[in-house]
């Protein structure tokens, strides 16, 4: 399936809100990465659905990372952090301190 359908917007937001990545959604739909990101560029409603879904996806995964840091769930924090770097291009940022 490589033809855009407006109903993808609802499904995209729903899937990402459930914690699925762009790649997992592409696999579910059987669509190429090129087509998916072309839709993001060409269809404002799809871009909006992707932006909203990405916020929800990130919130889920950031919550998992915090829980892993606090050892309230059994997830290897370093693995989670490296996966985030790979998926989202996260970079190590120095902690900024405040001076009094």
Protein backbone atom coordinates (compact mmCIF):
# COMPACT_ATOMS: atom_id res chain seq x y z
CA UNK A 1 0.00 0.00 0.00
CA UNK A 2 1.62 3.24 -1.06
CA UNK A 3 -1.37 5.50 -1.73
CA UNK A 4 -2.13 8.08 0.93
CA UNK A 5 -5.52 7.88 2.66
CA UNK A 6 -6.82 10.59 5.05
CA UNK A 7 -7.89 7.93 7.57
CA UNK A 8 -4.19 7.17 8.12
CA UNK A 9 -4.09 10.32 10.28
CA UNK A 10 -6.32 8.81 12.97
CA UNK A 11 -4.51 5.48 12.87
CA UNK A 12 -1.08 7.13 13.02
CA UNK A 13 -1.88 9.13 16.14
CA UNK A 14 -3.52 6.10 17.77
CA UNK A 15 -0.56 3.80 17.02
CA UNK A 16 2.06 6.29 18.21
CA UNK A 17 0.01 7.02 21.36
CA UNK A 18 0.26 3.28 22.05
CA UNK A 19 4.07 3.53 21.86
CA UNK A 20 4.71 2.42 18.28
CA UNK A 21 7.49 4.14 16.34
CA UNK A 22 7.30 5.51 12.81
CA UNK A 23 9.03 2.35 11.60
CA UNK A 24 6.51 0.08 13.32
CA UNK A 25 3.62 2.03 11.76
CA UNK A 26 5.25 1.83 8.32
CA UNK A 27 5.62 -1.93 8.71
CA UNK A 28 1.98 -2.31 9.79
CA UNK A 29 0.79 -0.39 6.74
CA UNK A 30 3.33 -1.92 4.36
CA UNK A 31 4.53 1.50 3.24
CA UNK A 32 8.08 2.58 2.48
CA UNK A 33 9.97 5.11 4.57
CA UNK A 34 10.15 7.40 1.52
CA UNK A 35 6.38 7.37 1.01
CA UNK A 36 5.69 7.89 4.72
CA UNK A 37 7.89 10.99 4.99
CA UNK A 38 6.63 12.27 1.64
CA UNK A 39 3.13 12.20 3.16
CA UNK A 40 4.45 14.10 6.19
CA UNK A 41 5.77 16.81 3.82
CA UNK A 42 2.80 16.91 1.43
CA UNK A 43 -0.28 16.51 3.63
CA UNK A 44 -0.62 19.03 6.48
CA UNK A 45 -3.19 16.87 8.29
CA UNK A 46 -0.79 13.91 8.22
CA UNK A 47 2.07 16.08 9.48
CA UNK A 48 -0.16 17.27 12.33
CA UNK A 49 -1.13 13.68 13.21
CA UNK A 50 2.55 12.71 13.14
CA UNK A 51 3.55 15.66 15.35
CA UNK A 52 0.82 14.87 17.90
CA UNK A 53 1.65 11.15 17.81
CA UNK A 54 5.36 11.83 18.24
CA UNK A 55 4.72 13.85 21.42
CA UNK A 56 2.68 10.97 22.85
CA UNK A 57 5.28 8.41 21.75
CA UNK A 58 8.08 10.41 23.35
CA UNK A 59 6.10 10.82 26.58
CA UNK A 60 5.66 7.05 26.88
CA UNK A 61 9.32 6.33 26.25
CA UNK A 62 10.58 9.12 28.48
CA UNK A 63 8.37 7.76 31.25
CA UNK A 64 9.90 4.32 30.76
CA UNK A 65 13.38 5.85 30.98
CA UNK A 66 12.55 7.64 34.23
CA UNK A 67 11.07 4.47 35.69
CA UNK A 68 14.19 2.56 34.64
CA UNK A 69 16.45 5.16 36.26
CA UNK A 70 14.49 4.85 39.49
CA UNK A 71 14.50 1.06 39.14
CA UNK A 72 10.71 0.89 39.48
CA UNK A 73 10.52 -1.27 36.34
CA UNK A 74 12.89 -3.86 34.97
CA UNK A 75 14.33 -2.05 31.94
CA UNK A 76 18.04 -1.55 31.38
CA UNK A 77 18.36 2.24 31.45
CA UNK A 78 21.53 2.32 29.32
CA UNK A 79 19.86 0.18 26.65
CA UNK A 80 16.82 2.47 26.71
CA UNK A 81 19.04 5.56 26.43
CA UNK A 82 21.01 4.12 23.49
CA UNK A 83 17.78 3.14 21.75
CA UNK A 84 16.51 6.71 22.17
CA UNK A 85 19.73 8.07 20.68
CA UNK A 86 19.32 5.77 17.69
CA UNK A 87 15.60 6.39 17.12
CA UNK A 88 15.51 10.11 17.75
CA UNK A 89 19.04 11.39 17.27
CA UNK A 90 19.33 12.32 20.93
CA UNK A 91 22.68 13.71 21.92
CA UNK A 92 24.42 13.84 25.24
CA UNK A 93 23.88 17.28 26.66
CA UNK A 94 25.94 18.61 29.52
CA UNK A 95 23.99 19.29 32.68
CA UNK A 96 23.82 23.02 33.18
CA UNK A 97 24.42 24.19 36.68
CA UNK A 98 23.25 27.36 38.25
CA UNK A 99 25.52 29.78 39.91
CA UNK A 100 24.50 31.84 42.86
